[in-house]
Protein backbone atom coordinates (compact mmCIF):
# COMPACT_ATOMS: atom_id res chain seq x y z
CA UNK A 1 17.69 -31.83 -7.39
CA UNK A 2 15.55 -28.93 -6.08
CA UNK A 3 16.66 -26.80 -9.02
CA UNK A 4 15.94 -29.59 -11.51
CA UNK A 5 12.39 -29.87 -10.16
CA UNK A 6 11.73 -26.16 -10.78
CA UNK A 7 13.20 -26.32 -14.28
CA UNK A 8 11.07 -29.38 -15.00
CA UNK A 9 7.88 -27.64 -13.82
CA UNK A 10 8.62 -24.45 -15.76
CA UNK A 11 9.63 -26.36 -18.88
CA UNK A 12 6.50 -28.49 -18.72
CA UNK A 13 4.26 -25.44 -18.36
CA UNK A 14 5.99 -23.77 -21.31
CA UNK A 15 5.56 -26.89 -23.46
CA UNK A 16 1.89 -27.22 -22.52
CA UNK A 17 1.23 -23.54 -23.31
CA UNK A 18 3.05 -23.87 -26.64
CA UNK A 19 0.88 -26.86 -27.53
CA UNK A 20 -2.18 -24.69 -26.99
CA UNK A 21 -3.53 -26.14 -23.73
CA UNK A 22 -5.05 -23.82 -21.14
CA UNK A 23 -2.79 -22.82 -18.26
CA UNK A 24 -5.89 -22.41 -16.09
CA UNK A 25 -5.83 -26.18 -15.62
CA UNK A 26 -2.20 -27.01 -16.19
CA UNK A 27 -0.48 -24.24 -14.19
CA UNK A 28 -1.76 -25.64 -10.86
CA UNK A 29 -1.00 -29.20 -12.02
CA UNK A 30 2.58 -28.26 -12.92
CA UNK A 31 2.95 -26.42 -9.62
CA UNK A 32 1.64 -29.39 -7.65
CA UNK A 33 3.93 -31.73 -9.58
CA UNK A 34 6.89 -29.66 -8.39
CA UNK A 35 5.58 -29.77 -4.81
CA UNK A 36 4.99 -33.53 -4.91
CA UNK A 37 8.50 -34.15 -6.25
CA UNK A 38 9.86 -32.00 -3.40
CA UNK A 39 7.66 -33.34 -0.57
CA UNK A 40 4.35 -35.13 -1.36
CA UNK A 41 2.74 -34.21 1.97
CA UNK A 42 3.01 -30.49 1.10
CA UNK A 43 0.76 -30.74 -1.98
CA UNK A 44 -2.66 -29.94 -0.49
CA UNK A 45 -1.49 -27.20 1.91
CA UNK A 46 0.53 -25.52 -0.87
CA UNK A 47 -2.46 -25.67 -3.20
CA UNK A 48 -4.89 -24.13 -0.69
CA UNK A 49 -2.72 -21.59 1.08
CA UNK A 50 -0.27 -20.56 -1.63
CA UNK A 51 -1.59 -21.27 -5.12
CA UNK A 52 -5.21 -20.32 -4.48
CA UNK A 53 -4.34 -17.36 -2.25
CA UNK A 54 -2.00 -15.92 -4.89
CA UNK A 55 -4.40 -16.60 -7.75
CA UNK A 56 -7.44 -15.16 -5.99
CA UNK A 57 -5.44 -12.16 -4.75
CA UNK A 58 -4.36 -11.35 -8.29
CA UNK A 59 -7.90 -11.63 -9.65
CA UNK A 60 -9.25 -9.52 -6.78
CA UNK A 61 -6.86 -6.70 -7.64
CA UNK A 62 -6.84 -6.77 -11.42
CA UNK A 63 -9.97 -8.47 -12.80
CA UNK A 64 -11.88 -5.17 -13.09
CA UNK A 65 -9.06 -3.83 -15.30
CA UNK A 66 -9.29 -6.90 -17.57
CA UNK A 67 -13.08 -6.66 -17.69
CA UNK A 68 -13.38 -2.93 -18.33
CA UNK A 69 -10.56 -2.99 -20.89
CA UNK A 70 -12.23 -5.81 -22.81
CA UNK A 71 -15.66 -4.13 -22.77
CA UNK A 72 -14.16 -0.79 -23.83
CA UNK A 73 -12.26 -2.43 -26.66
CA UNK A 74 -15.33 -4.25 -27.92
CA UNK A 75 -17.41 -1.06 -27.88
CA UNK A 76 -14.66 0.79 -29.76
CA UNK A 77 -14.94 -1.88 -32.44
CA UNK A 78 -18.75 -2.13 -32.46
CA UNK A 79 -19.41 1.61 -32.48
CA UNK A 80 -17.27 2.22 -35.56
CA UNK A 81 -14.63 4.19 -33.64
CA UNK A 82 -11.85 1.84 -34.79
CA UNK A 83 -12.98 2.13 -38.41
CA UNK A 84 -13.13 5.91 -38.21
CA UNK A 85 -9.66 6.13 -36.65
CA UNK A 86 -8.27 3.85 -39.36
CA UNK A 87 -9.63 6.11 -42.10
CA UNK A 88 -8.26 9.22 -40.39
CA UNK A 89 -4.78 7.75 -40.06
CA UNK A 90 -4.79 6.55 -43.67
CA UNK A 91 -5.82 10.01 -44.86
CA UNK A 92 -2.97 11.54 -42.84
CA UNK A 93 -0.07 9.20 -43.71
CA UNK A 94 -1.28 7.86 -47.06
CA UNK A 95 -2.08 4.37 -48.23
CA UNK A 96 1.46 3.81 -49.47
CA UNK A 97 2.70 3.99 -45.87
CA UNK A 98 0.62 0.98 -44.88
CA UNK A 99 3.07 -0.28 -42.26
CA UNK A 100 3.24 3.07 -40.46
CA UNK A 101 -0.56 3.45 -40.64
CA UNK A 102 -1.23 0.08 -39.02
CA UNK A 103 1.44 0.59 -36.34
CA UNK A 104 -0.08 3.97 -35.43
CA UNK A 105 -3.61 2.56 -35.34
CA UNK A 106 -2.57 -0.29 -33.04
CA UNK A 107 -0.60 2.11 -30.83
CA UNK A 108 -3.52 4.52 -30.46
CA UNK A 109 -5.95 1.74 -29.56
CA UNK A 110 -3.71 -0.01 -27.03
CA UNK A 111 -2.54 3.24 -25.43
CA UNK A 112 -6.15 4.20 -24.86
CA UNK A 113 -6.88 0.96 -23.00
CA UNK A 114 -8.18 -1.42 -25.66
CA UNK A 115 -7.20 -5.01 -24.85
CA UNK A 116 -4.24 -6.36 -26.82
CA UNK A 117 -6.31 -9.35 -27.95
CA UNK A 118 -9.15 -7.11 -29.15
CA UNK A 119 -6.76 -4.96 -31.20
CA UNK A 120 -5.72 -7.93 -33.34
CA UNK A 121 -9.31 -8.61 -34.37
CA UNK A 122 -10.17 -4.92 -34.85
CA UNK A 123 -7.13 -3.94 -36.90
CA UNK A 124 -6.56 -6.97 -39.12
CA UNK A 125 -9.26 -6.19 -41.73
CA UNK A 126 -7.75 -2.74 -42.28
CA UNK A 127 -4.23 -4.16 -42.42
CA UNK A 128 -5.27 -6.77 -44.99
CA UNK A 129 -6.89 -4.11 -47.14
CA UNK A 130 -3.91 -1.72 -47.04
CA UNK A 131 -1.24 -4.36 -47.48
CA UNK A 132 -3.05 -5.89 -50.44
CA UNK A 133 -3.44 -2.50 -52.14
CA UNK A 134 0.22 -1.66 -51.52
CA UNK A 135 1.20 -5.22 -52.56
CA UNK A 136 3.14 -5.77 -49.30
CA UNK A 137 3.49 -9.44 -48.29
CA UNK A 138 0.70 -10.55 -46.03
CA UNK A 139 3.25 -12.35 -43.83
CA UNK A 140 4.44 -8.94 -42.58
CA UNK A 141 1.06 -8.10 -41.04
CA UNK A 142 1.61 -9.99 -37.73
CA UNK A 143 4.97 -8.28 -37.16
CA UNK A 144 3.41 -4.90 -37.92
CA UNK A 145 0.51 -5.42 -35.51
CA UNK A 146 2.93 -6.76 -32.90
CA UNK A 147 5.04 -3.60 -33.13
CA UNK A 148 2.02 -1.37 -32.63
CA UNK A 149 0.12 -3.40 -30.05
CA UNK A 150 2.52 -5.70 -28.20
CA UNK A 151 5.51 -3.47 -27.62
CA UNK A 152 5.97 0.14 -26.49
CA UNK A 153 2.32 1.05 -25.82
CA UNK A 154 1.93 -2.08 -23.74
CA UNK A 155 4.51 -1.34 -21.06
CA UNK A 156 6.90 1.50 -21.92
CA UNK A 157 4.75 4.55 -22.65
CA UNK A 158 3.94 6.41 -19.42
CA UNK A 159 0.21 6.40 -18.75
CA UNK A 160 -0.70 3.29 -20.71
CA UNK A 161 -3.56 1.53 -18.89
CA UNK A 162 -2.52 -1.95 -20.06
CA UNK A 163 -2.25 -4.47 -17.24
CA UNK A 164 1.54 -4.77 -17.64
CA UNK A 165 1.86 -1.14 -16.57
CA UNK A 166 -0.74 -1.39 -13.81
CA UNK A 167 0.60 -4.39 -11.86
CA UNK A 168 3.82 -2.67 -10.64
CA UNK A 169 1.83 0.20 -9.10
CA UNK A 170 0.65 -1.96 -6.20
CA UNK A 171 4.17 -3.24 -5.48
CA UNK A 172 6.19 -0.03 -5.75
CA UNK A 173 3.38 2.37 -4.73
CA UNK A 174 3.76 4.30 -7.96
CA UNK A 175 1.27 5.31 -10.66
CA UNK A 176 1.09 4.38 -14.33
CA UNK A 177 2.96 7.55 -15.31
CA UNK A 178 6.12 6.33 -13.54
CA UNK A 179 9.46 7.43 -15.06
CA UNK A 180 7.92 9.29 -18.03
CA UNK A 181 11.19 10.37 -19.67
CA UNK A 182 12.66 6.86 -19.57
CA UNK A 183 9.38 5.45 -20.83
CA UNK A 184 9.29 7.79 -23.82
CA UNK A 185 12.95 7.09 -24.63
CA UNK A 186 12.30 3.35 -24.52
CA UNK A 187 9.20 3.73 -26.67
CA UNK A 188 11.06 5.71 -29.36
CA UNK A 189 13.85 3.11 -29.31
CA UNK A 190 11.42 0.27 -30.05
CA UNK A 191 9.30 2.24 -32.53
CA UNK A 192 12.21 3.49 -34.62
CA UNK A 193 14.05 0.17 -34.76
CA UNK A 194 10.81 -1.67 -35.46
CA UNK A 195 9.78 0.60 -38.33
CA UNK A 196 13.26 0.49 -39.87
CA UNK A 197 13.24 -3.30 -39.69
CA UNK A 198 9.76 -3.72 -41.19
CA UNK A 199 10.51 -1.24 -43.97
CA UNK A 200 13.70 -3.12 -44.80
CA UNK A 201 11.69 -6.33 -45.00
CA UNK A 202 9.15 -4.65 -47.28
CA UNK A 203 11.84 -3.32 -49.62
CA UNK A 204 13.57 -6.69 -49.75
CA UNK A 205 10.29 -8.36 -50.69
CA UNK A 206 9.62 -5.72 -53.33
CA UNK A 207 13.04 -6.23 -54.91
CA UNK A 208 12.58 -10.01 -54.99
CA UNK A 209 9.13 -9.64 -56.58
CA UNK A 210 7.12 -10.88 -53.61
CA UNK A 211 3.66 -9.35 -53.24
CA UNK A 212 0.70 -9.67 -50.89
CA UNK A 213 -0.06 -13.24 -51.91
CA UNK A 214 3.58 -14.30 -52.19
CA UNK A 215 5.49 -14.81 -55.41
CA UNK A 216 3.74 -14.87 -58.77
CA UNK A 217 2.43 -18.24 -59.80
CA UNK A 218 2.05 -19.49 -56.23
CA UNK A 219 -1.73 -19.66 -56.37
CA UNK A 220 -2.15 -16.14 -55.10
CA UNK A 221 -5.62 -15.46 -56.50
CA UNK A 222 -7.48 -16.58 -53.41
CA UNK A 223 -10.65 -15.01 -52.10
CA UNK A 224 -10.02 -12.27 -49.58
CA UNK A 225 -13.34 -10.50 -49.37
CA UNK A 226 -13.99 -11.76 -45.85
CA UNK A 227 -10.81 -10.23 -44.46
CA UNK A 228 -11.15 -6.70 -45.82
CA UNK A 229 -13.23 -3.63 -45.14
CA UNK A 230 -14.43 -0.91 -47.46
CA UNK A 231 -12.39 2.27 -47.11
CA UNK A 232 -12.85 4.94 -49.74
CA UNK A 233 -9.63 6.05 -51.36
CA UNK A 234 -10.34 9.75 -51.21
CA UNK A 235 -10.67 11.60 -47.92
CA UNK A 236 -14.17 12.83 -47.29
CA UNK A 237 -14.69 16.57 -47.21
CA UNK A 238 -18.15 16.35 -45.72
CA UNK A 239 -18.11 18.41 -42.51
CA UNK A 240 -20.34 15.95 -40.67
CA UNK A 241 -18.04 13.05 -41.60
CA UNK A 242 -14.95 14.99 -40.55
CA UNK A 243 -16.66 15.87 -37.30
CA UNK A 244 -17.38 12.23 -36.55
CA UNK A 245 -13.77 11.29 -37.35
CA UNK A 246 -12.60 13.87 -34.82
CA UNK A 247 -15.16 12.70 -32.25
CA UNK A 248 -13.90 9.13 -32.64
CA UNK A 249 -10.74 10.13 -30.77
CA UNK A 250 -12.66 11.59 -27.82
CA UNK A 251 -13.21 8.31 -25.89
CA UNK A 252 -9.53 7.41 -26.30
CA UNK A 253 -8.26 10.82 -25.23
CA UNK A 254 -10.76 10.92 -22.37
CA UNK A 255 -9.36 7.68 -20.92
CA UNK A 256 -5.87 9.18 -20.80
CA UNK A 257 -6.94 12.53 -19.39
CA UNK A 258 -9.31 10.98 -16.83
CA UNK A 259 -6.62 8.55 -15.78
CA UNK A 260 -4.29 11.41 -14.89
CA UNK A 261 -7.11 13.34 -13.20
CA UNK A 262 -8.06 10.42 -10.95
CA UNK A 263 -4.42 9.65 -10.16
CA UNK A 264 -4.12 13.16 -8.71
CA UNK A 265 -7.61 13.38 -7.20
CA UNK A 266 -8.06 10.03 -5.42
CA UNK A 267 -5.37 10.71 -2.78
CA UNK A 268 -7.13 14.03 -2.09
CA UNK A 269 -10.48 12.28 -1.67
CA UNK A 270 -8.97 9.91 0.89
CA UNK A 271 -6.08 11.85 2.45
CA UNK A 272 -5.80 9.35 5.32
CA UNK A 273 -6.68 6.25 3.35
CA UNK A 274 -9.85 4.43 4.31
CA UNK A 275 -10.29 2.63 7.63
CA UNK A 276 -13.27 0.27 7.82
CA UNK A 277 -13.00 0.15 11.61
CA UNK A 278 -14.52 3.64 11.74
CA UNK A 279 -17.67 2.08 10.29
CA UNK A 280 -17.63 -0.76 12.77
CA UNK A 281 -16.28 -3.15 10.10
CA UNK A 282 -12.92 -4.00 11.66
CA UNK A 283 -12.68 -7.31 9.78
CA UNK A 284 -12.15 -5.48 6.48
CA UNK A 285 -9.05 -3.64 7.66
CA UNK A 286 -7.63 -0.45 6.20
CA UNK A 287 -7.09 0.46 2.54
CA UNK A 288 -3.50 1.42 1.73
CA UNK A 289 -4.19 4.11 -0.84
CA UNK A 290 -0.69 3.98 -2.33
CA UNK A 291 -1.26 0.41 -3.52
CA UNK A 292 -4.66 0.97 -5.13
CA UNK A 293 -4.60 4.50 -6.56
CA UNK A 294 -3.13 3.35 -9.87
CA UNK A 295 -5.69 0.56 -10.21
CA UNK A 296 -8.69 2.69 -9.21
CA UNK A 297 -7.63 5.45 -11.61
CA UNK A 298 -7.50 3.08 -14.58
CA UNK A 299 -10.86 1.53 -13.68
CA UNK A 300 -12.66 4.87 -13.39
CA UNK A 301 -11.07 6.16 -16.60
CA UNK A 302 -12.17 3.06 -18.52
CA UNK A 303 -15.73 3.48 -17.21
CA UNK A 304 -15.81 6.98 -18.69
CA UNK A 305 -14.33 5.63 -21.92
CA UNK A 306 -17.08 3.01 -22.11
CA UNK A 307 -19.82 5.62 -21.64
CA UNK A 308 -18.42 7.87 -24.37
CA UNK A 309 -17.97 4.91 -26.75
CA UNK A 310 -21.64 4.07 -26.22
CA UNK A 311 -22.63 7.66 -26.93
CA UNK A 312 -20.58 7.79 -30.15
CA UNK A 313 -23.05 5.62 -32.08
CA UNK A 314 -25.75 4.28 -29.76
CA UNK A 315 -27.87 2.69 -32.49
CA UNK A 316 -24.94 0.82 -34.03
CA UNK A 317 -23.76 -0.49 -30.67
CA UNK A 318 -27.16 -1.62 -29.43
CA UNK A 319 -27.86 -3.67 -32.56
CA UNK A 320 -25.42 -6.34 -31.43
CA UNK A 321 -24.89 -5.25 -27.84
CA UNK A 322 -25.72 -8.51 -26.07
CA UNK A 323 -23.52 -10.67 -28.25
CA UNK A 324 -20.62 -8.22 -28.20
CA UNK A 325 -20.67 -7.65 -24.45
CA UNK A 326 -20.92 -11.37 -23.70
CA UNK A 327 -17.95 -12.05 -25.97
CA UNK A 328 -15.86 -9.35 -24.29
CA UNK A 329 -16.75 -10.61 -20.81
CA UNK A 330 -15.77 -14.14 -21.81
CA UNK A 331 -12.45 -12.86 -23.13
CA UNK A 332 -11.80 -10.90 -19.94
CA UNK A 333 -12.55 -13.92 -17.77
CA UNK A 334 -10.21 -16.10 -19.81
CA UNK A 335 -7.38 -13.55 -19.77
CA UNK A 336 -7.70 -12.87 -16.03
CA UNK A 337 -7.91 -16.55 -15.13
CA UNK A 338 -4.93 -17.39 -17.34
CA UNK A 339 -2.76 -14.72 -15.75
CA UNK A 340 -4.05 -15.43 -12.24
CA UNK A 341 -3.27 -19.12 -12.67
CA UNK A 342 0.27 -18.29 -13.79
CA UNK A 343 0.58 -15.93 -10.82
CA UNK A 344 -0.45 -18.74 -8.47
CA UNK A 345 2.05 -21.03 -10.16
CA UNK A 346 4.76 -18.44 -9.54
CA UNK A 347 3.82 -18.20 -5.88
CA UNK A 348 4.22 -21.96 -5.44
CA UNK A 349 7.51 -22.09 -7.34
CA UNK A 350 8.86 -19.17 -5.32
CA UNK A 351 8.10 -21.10 -2.12
CA UNK A 352 10.16 -24.15 -3.09
CA UNK A 353 13.76 -24.60 -1.93
CA UNK A 354 15.12 -24.61 -5.48
CA UNK A 355 13.90 -21.11 -6.18
CA UNK A 356 16.20 -19.69 -3.53
CA UNK A 357 19.07 -21.12 -5.57
CA UNK A 358 17.80 -19.42 -8.74
CA UNK A 359 17.16 -16.15 -6.93
CA UNK A 360 20.55 -16.10 -5.24
CA UNK A 361 22.30 -17.03 -8.48
CA UNK A 362 20.72 -14.09 -10.31
CA UNK A 363 21.33 -11.78 -7.36
CA UNK A 364 25.01 -12.70 -7.20
CA UNK A 365 25.43 -12.42 -10.97
CA UNK A 366 23.58 -9.09 -11.26
CA UNK A 367 24.01 -6.99 -8.13
CA UNK A 368 22.43 -3.92 -9.74
CA UNK A 369 18.73 -4.21 -8.77
CA UNK A 370 17.57 -2.76 -12.10
CA UNK A 371 19.49 -5.33 -14.14
CA UNK A 372 18.47 -8.03 -11.67
CA UNK A 373 14.80 -7.13 -12.02
CA UNK A 374 15.04 -6.88 -15.80
CA UNK A 375 16.76 -10.25 -16.23
CA UNK A 376 14.51 -12.08 -13.77
CA UNK A 377 11.28 -10.67 -15.18
CA UNK A 378 12.39 -11.15 -18.78
CA UNK A 379 13.38 -14.77 -18.25
CA UNK A 380 10.20 -15.66 -16.38
CA UNK A 381 8.01 -13.85 -18.93
CA UNK A 382 9.74 -15.82 -21.66
CA UNK A 383 9.31 -19.13 -19.88
CA UNK A 384 5.64 -18.60 -19.09
CA UNK A 385 4.87 -16.89 -22.40
CA UNK A 386 3.08 -14.12 -20.55
CA UNK A 387 4.22 -10.59 -19.75
CA UNK A 388 1.84 -10.17 -16.83
CA UNK A 389 2.35 -13.77 -15.72
CA UNK A 390 6.15 -13.50 -15.76
CA UNK A 391 6.03 -10.16 -13.98
CA UNK A 392 3.61 -11.61 -11.45
CA UNK A 393 5.97 -14.47 -10.71
CA UNK A 394 8.97 -12.15 -10.38
CA UNK A 395 7.25 -9.60 -8.14
CA UNK A 396 5.49 -12.27 -6.11
CA UNK A 397 8.82 -13.92 -5.39
CA UNK A 398 11.16 -10.95 -5.17
CA UNK A 399 9.07 -7.78 -4.87
CA UNK A 400 10.09 -7.10 -1.27
CA UNK A 401 13.76 -7.67 -2.09
CA UNK A 402 13.55 -5.26 -5.00
CA UNK A 403 12.10 -2.59 -2.73
CA UNK A 404 14.92 -3.12 -0.23
CA UNK A 405 17.52 -3.06 -3.00
CA UNK A 406 16.36 0.17 -4.64
CA UNK A 407 16.24 1.82 -1.22
CA UNK A 408 19.81 0.67 -0.59
CA UNK A 409 21.01 1.93 -4.00
CA UNK A 410 18.89 5.12 -3.78
CA UNK A 411 16.96 4.28 -6.97
CA UNK A 412 13.53 5.90 -7.36
CA UNK A 413 10.75 3.29 -7.28
CA UNK A 414 9.38 4.86 -10.48
CA UNK A 415 12.50 3.70 -12.34
CA UNK A 416 12.11 0.16 -11.01
CA UNK A 417 8.46 0.22 -12.04
CA UNK A 418 9.32 1.18 -15.62
CA UNK A 419 12.19 -1.31 -15.92
CA UNK A 420 10.15 -4.25 -14.63
CA UNK A 421 7.17 -3.33 -16.79
CA UNK A 422 9.33 -3.09 -19.92
CA UNK A 423 11.17 -6.30 -19.05
CA UNK A 424 7.87 -8.15 -18.81
CA UNK A 425 7.18 -7.17 -22.43
CA UNK A 426 10.52 -8.42 -23.68
CA UNK A 427 10.87 -12.14 -24.22
CA UNK A 428 7.24 -12.76 -23.31
CA UNK A 429 6.31 -12.97 -27.01
CA UNK A 430 8.07 -16.27 -27.65
CA UNK A 431 6.16 -18.79 -29.86
CA UNK A 432 3.97 -20.11 -27.03
CA UNK A 433 2.65 -16.65 -26.04
CA UNK A 434 -1.15 -16.51 -26.14
CA UNK A 435 -1.27 -13.15 -27.92
CA UNK A 436 1.14 -14.40 -30.59
CA UNK A 437 -0.91 -17.54 -31.16
CA UNK A 438 -4.10 -15.45 -31.36
CA UNK A 439 -2.51 -12.96 -33.76
CA UNK A 440 -1.36 -15.69 -36.13
CA UNK A 441 -4.77 -17.37 -35.96
CA UNK A 442 -6.55 -14.10 -36.78
CA UNK A 443 -4.30 -13.44 -39.78
CA UNK A 444 -4.48 -17.03 -41.00
CA UNK A 445 -0.71 -17.47 -40.98
CA UNK A 446 1.62 -19.97 -39.34
CA UNK A 447 4.64 -19.54 -37.07
CA UNK A 448 6.85 -20.62 -39.99
CA UNK A 449 5.43 -17.91 -42.25
CA UNK A 450 5.31 -14.92 -39.92
CA UNK A 451 6.86 -15.52 -36.50
CA UNK A 452 10.35 -14.35 -37.55
CA UNK A 453 9.19 -10.73 -37.74
CA UNK A 454 7.39 -10.97 -34.39
CA UNK A 455 10.61 -12.33 -32.88
CA UNK A 456 12.54 -9.34 -34.26
CA UNK A 457 10.13 -7.01 -32.44
CA UNK A 458 10.67 -9.15 -29.33
CA UNK A 459 14.42 -8.58 -29.57
CA UNK A 460 13.93 -4.81 -29.91
CA UNK A 461 11.66 -4.77 -26.85
CA UNK A 462 14.24 -6.69 -24.82
CA UNK A 463 17.09 -4.42 -25.88
CA UNK A 464 15.00 -1.34 -25.07
CA UNK A 465 14.72 -2.36 -21.44
CA UNK A 466 18.50 -2.51 -21.00
CA UNK A 467 18.94 0.66 -23.08
CA UNK A 468 16.68 2.49 -20.61
CA UNK A 469 18.76 1.18 -17.68
CA UNK A 470 21.89 2.49 -19.43
CA UNK A 471 20.31 5.91 -20.00
CA UNK A 472 19.28 6.15 -16.35
CA UNK A 473 22.72 5.05 -15.14
CA UNK A 474 24.47 7.67 -17.31
CA UNK A 475 22.09 10.59 -16.90
CA UNK A 476 19.88 10.00 -13.86
CA UNK A 477 16.83 10.87 -15.96
CA UNK A 478 13.49 9.64 -14.66
């Protein structure tokens, strides 16, 4: 019965998320339902001391990353940096390689710290323009954006400042560059399979006579002016224009370089951590530098990225600054609260008797801690429809056990970091995932029209995680 209660709560949360309701409200309600069905008198104590503690703890640690990432992404869009990068990529790879161009643009933006949700809005106009000119079916746009933004640059590439790669740093005391070789191998696995798949879909559509608007005679001559941007066909040879196109990459590169610099420098700034008791503030305890270096590094790097994005085109940014910043702050609040609520839900579920049954069942089935962590995180990310939420649940419930297990098996914590991060970005993009729903809404397509290609990318991401475990097991590469 205890196990049935947990399945009921998880299933209900998944259904509610799929139907488009906010998990900020319904995650605690589903968690409390599970508690009430277990023991009604536990409801209020579990809500106050488990759900709220977990939720607030998550927000305390990671909200600045959500906020700074959203602001940076919005400024990249408002300043014209995204537009300039799009034109540069198109000039390099050609308009005929529309799929590759959009994947690269999404990858560059997300790897530099732009929020996944922001990328969908920023890239879609360029994707619509290129796909229409190349007469590639519009229904392939979501899968293309998903490959560039929701896959390898989200959690596999070493150094990515996305939240899915930041969360494990505080558990395993690693940094966001953990297991760089495995991360690059996993990224190439997803990228190559994804591009081959999307190209095969494009060729199949071309052979069957399907174009951007579908098949001829299907009412394809609809207005599309609102979804496109003006990009001149010929590359500009004006030195000033070329200079600005080069400068557009500076804020993105700076985030990556600064991130590495701060990762190395912060431990030197505080070689013994930071003890508030030396200031007479004993109540605030001592900062464990190993758990916060990764987070602080990302935050400081994003601040520098924001400043350089502002400097890129100050006049253009300031014309709509208030509206843009308010929108980005609202998006950051929503994303952080959604994930924090799911994290609190996971904390409650992990405290119930039935979860011990689930945990022990997975542990007995998969004794290898890497496979155990990958399966657990993947399943929970799929159920919750959130990479960070599923990872939060898994690490909240089993983080200490994973640390004990990798110590026992002599596995570097960096490897566990990379595996868990990649696993979180596996089955998370099921139909009820918020990013998937947003992506389809932005492109004006339905699940029936375009989700199949997103699901294919999801399968590649999931396989990549286990491929990386296999590579590590055979070679010991980190």
